[in-house]
Amino acid sequence: MLWKQARRYGQQSAINEAHNEIRSLEERCARLCEGILSQQWHSISELQIILQTLEPTIMDQQAARWRLDVLKSTKEPNELPELPENENKNRS
């Protein structure tokens, strides 16, 4: 659906948006790292806890890079198979 929408409504615009999102997320990650590095940590466990703040940004970066790869693809990606009915119920 993402691939088709980009083709229909402007592939280059969608690619530019994805690039901008990745750049923004990289800048956010750099600011977070800078803040973490500027502080003194008293224990490894304290540092491990604060490093968890990076996880959402890194996950967002990975998702944005995946979207960019899909948008740049010359071929429409295969649709993901649906989960079997019993697995759908377990996820709710």
Protein backbone atom coordinates (compact mmCIF):
# COMPACT_ATOMS: atom_id res chain seq x y z
CA MET A 1 0.00 0.00 0.00
CA LEU A 2 2.84 2.42 0.86
CA TRP A 3 4.53 1.69 -2.45
CA LYS A 4 1.31 2.12 -4.45
CA GLN A 5 0.38 5.37 -2.69
CA ALA A 6 3.81 6.81 -3.38
CA ARG A 7 3.51 5.92 -7.06
CA ARG A 8 0.05 7.44 -7.22
CA TYR A 9 0.66 10.64 -5.26
CA GLY A 10 4.32 11.40 -5.80
CA GLN A 11 7.17 9.01 -5.27
CA GLN A 12 9.93 11.63 -5.10
CA SER A 13 8.02 13.65 -2.52
CA ALA A 14 7.57 10.54 -0.35
CA ILE A 15 11.28 9.70 -0.70
CA ASN A 16 12.25 13.25 0.31
CA GLU A 17 9.96 13.04 3.35
CA ALA A 18 11.55 9.73 4.37
CA HIS A 19 15.05 11.23 4.00
CA ASN A 20 14.03 14.22 6.13
CA GLU A 21 12.58 11.94 8.79
CA ILE A 22 15.77 9.87 8.92
CA ARG A 23 17.91 13.01 9.16
CA SER A 24 15.73 14.35 11.97
CA LEU A 25 15.91 11.07 13.87
CA GLU A 26 19.70 10.93 13.45
CA GLU A 27 19.95 14.44 14.89
CA ARG A 28 17.70 13.47 17.82
CA CYS A 29 19.84 10.40 18.50
CA ALA A 30 23.02 12.52 18.38
CA ARG A 31 21.53 15.01 20.88
CA LEU A 32 20.52 12.19 23.22
CA CYS A 33 23.97 10.60 22.99
CA GLU A 34 25.63 13.95 23.62
CA GLY A 35 23.53 14.41 26.74
CA ILE A 36 24.33 10.92 27.95
CA LEU A 37 28.06 11.35 27.33
CA SER A 38 28.15 14.72 29.09
CA GLN A 39 27.07 13.21 32.39
CA GLN A 40 28.96 11.13 34.87
CA TRP A 41 27.44 7.73 35.66
CA HIS A 42 27.98 6.01 38.98
CA SER A 43 27.13 2.48 37.89
CA ILE A 44 26.70 0.38 34.80
CA SER A 45 23.08 -0.36 35.72
CA GLU A 46 22.35 3.37 35.91
CA LEU A 47 23.84 3.84 32.45
CA GLN A 48 21.94 0.84 31.07
CA ILE A 49 18.67 2.34 32.26
CA ILE A 50 19.35 5.71 30.65
CA LEU A 51 20.46 4.07 27.40
CA GLN A 52 16.96 2.64 27.07
CA THR A 53 15.86 6.17 26.16
CA LEU A 54 17.63 5.68 22.82
CA GLU A 55 15.57 2.62 21.89
CA PRO A 56 12.43 4.40 20.57
CA THR A 57 14.54 6.70 18.39
CA ILE A 58 16.54 3.79 17.01
CA MET A 59 13.35 1.82 16.30
CA ASP A 60 11.91 4.87 14.51
CA GLN A 61 15.11 5.14 12.46
CA GLN A 62 14.86 1.51 11.41
CA ALA A 63 11.23 1.93 10.41
CA ALA A 64 12.02 5.08 8.41
CA ARG A 65 14.89 3.34 6.61
CA TRP A 66 12.58 0.42 5.79
CA ARG A 67 9.99 2.85 4.37
CA LEU A 68 12.70 4.53 2.31
CA ASP A 69 13.82 1.17 0.91
CA VAL A 70 10.22 0.33 -0.01
CA LEU A 71 9.69 3.73 -1.64
CA LYS A 72 12.90 3.45 -3.67
CA SER A 73 12.12 -0.07 -4.83
CA THR A 74 11.36 -0.40 -8.53
CA LYS A 75 9.14 -3.39 -7.85
CA GLU A 76 6.13 -3.53 -5.55
CA PRO A 77 6.92 -5.58 -2.45
CA ASN A 78 4.99 -8.76 -1.77
CA GLU A 79 2.15 -8.47 0.68
CA LEU A 80 2.72 -10.04 4.06
CA PRO A 81 0.64 -13.14 4.68
CA GLU A 82 -2.16 -12.79 7.22
CA LEU A 83 -1.71 -14.43 10.58
CA PRO A 84 -3.75 -17.56 11.19
CA GLU A 85 -6.99 -16.84 13.04
CA ASN A 86 -5.79 -18.22 16.40
CA GLU A 87 -2.67 -15.98 16.35
CA ASN A 88 -4.80 -12.90 15.65
CA LYS A 89 -6.78 -13.58 18.82
CA ASN A 90 -3.63 -13.99 20.91
CA ARG A 91 -2.34 -10.57 19.88
CA SER A 92 -5.45 -8.72 21.02
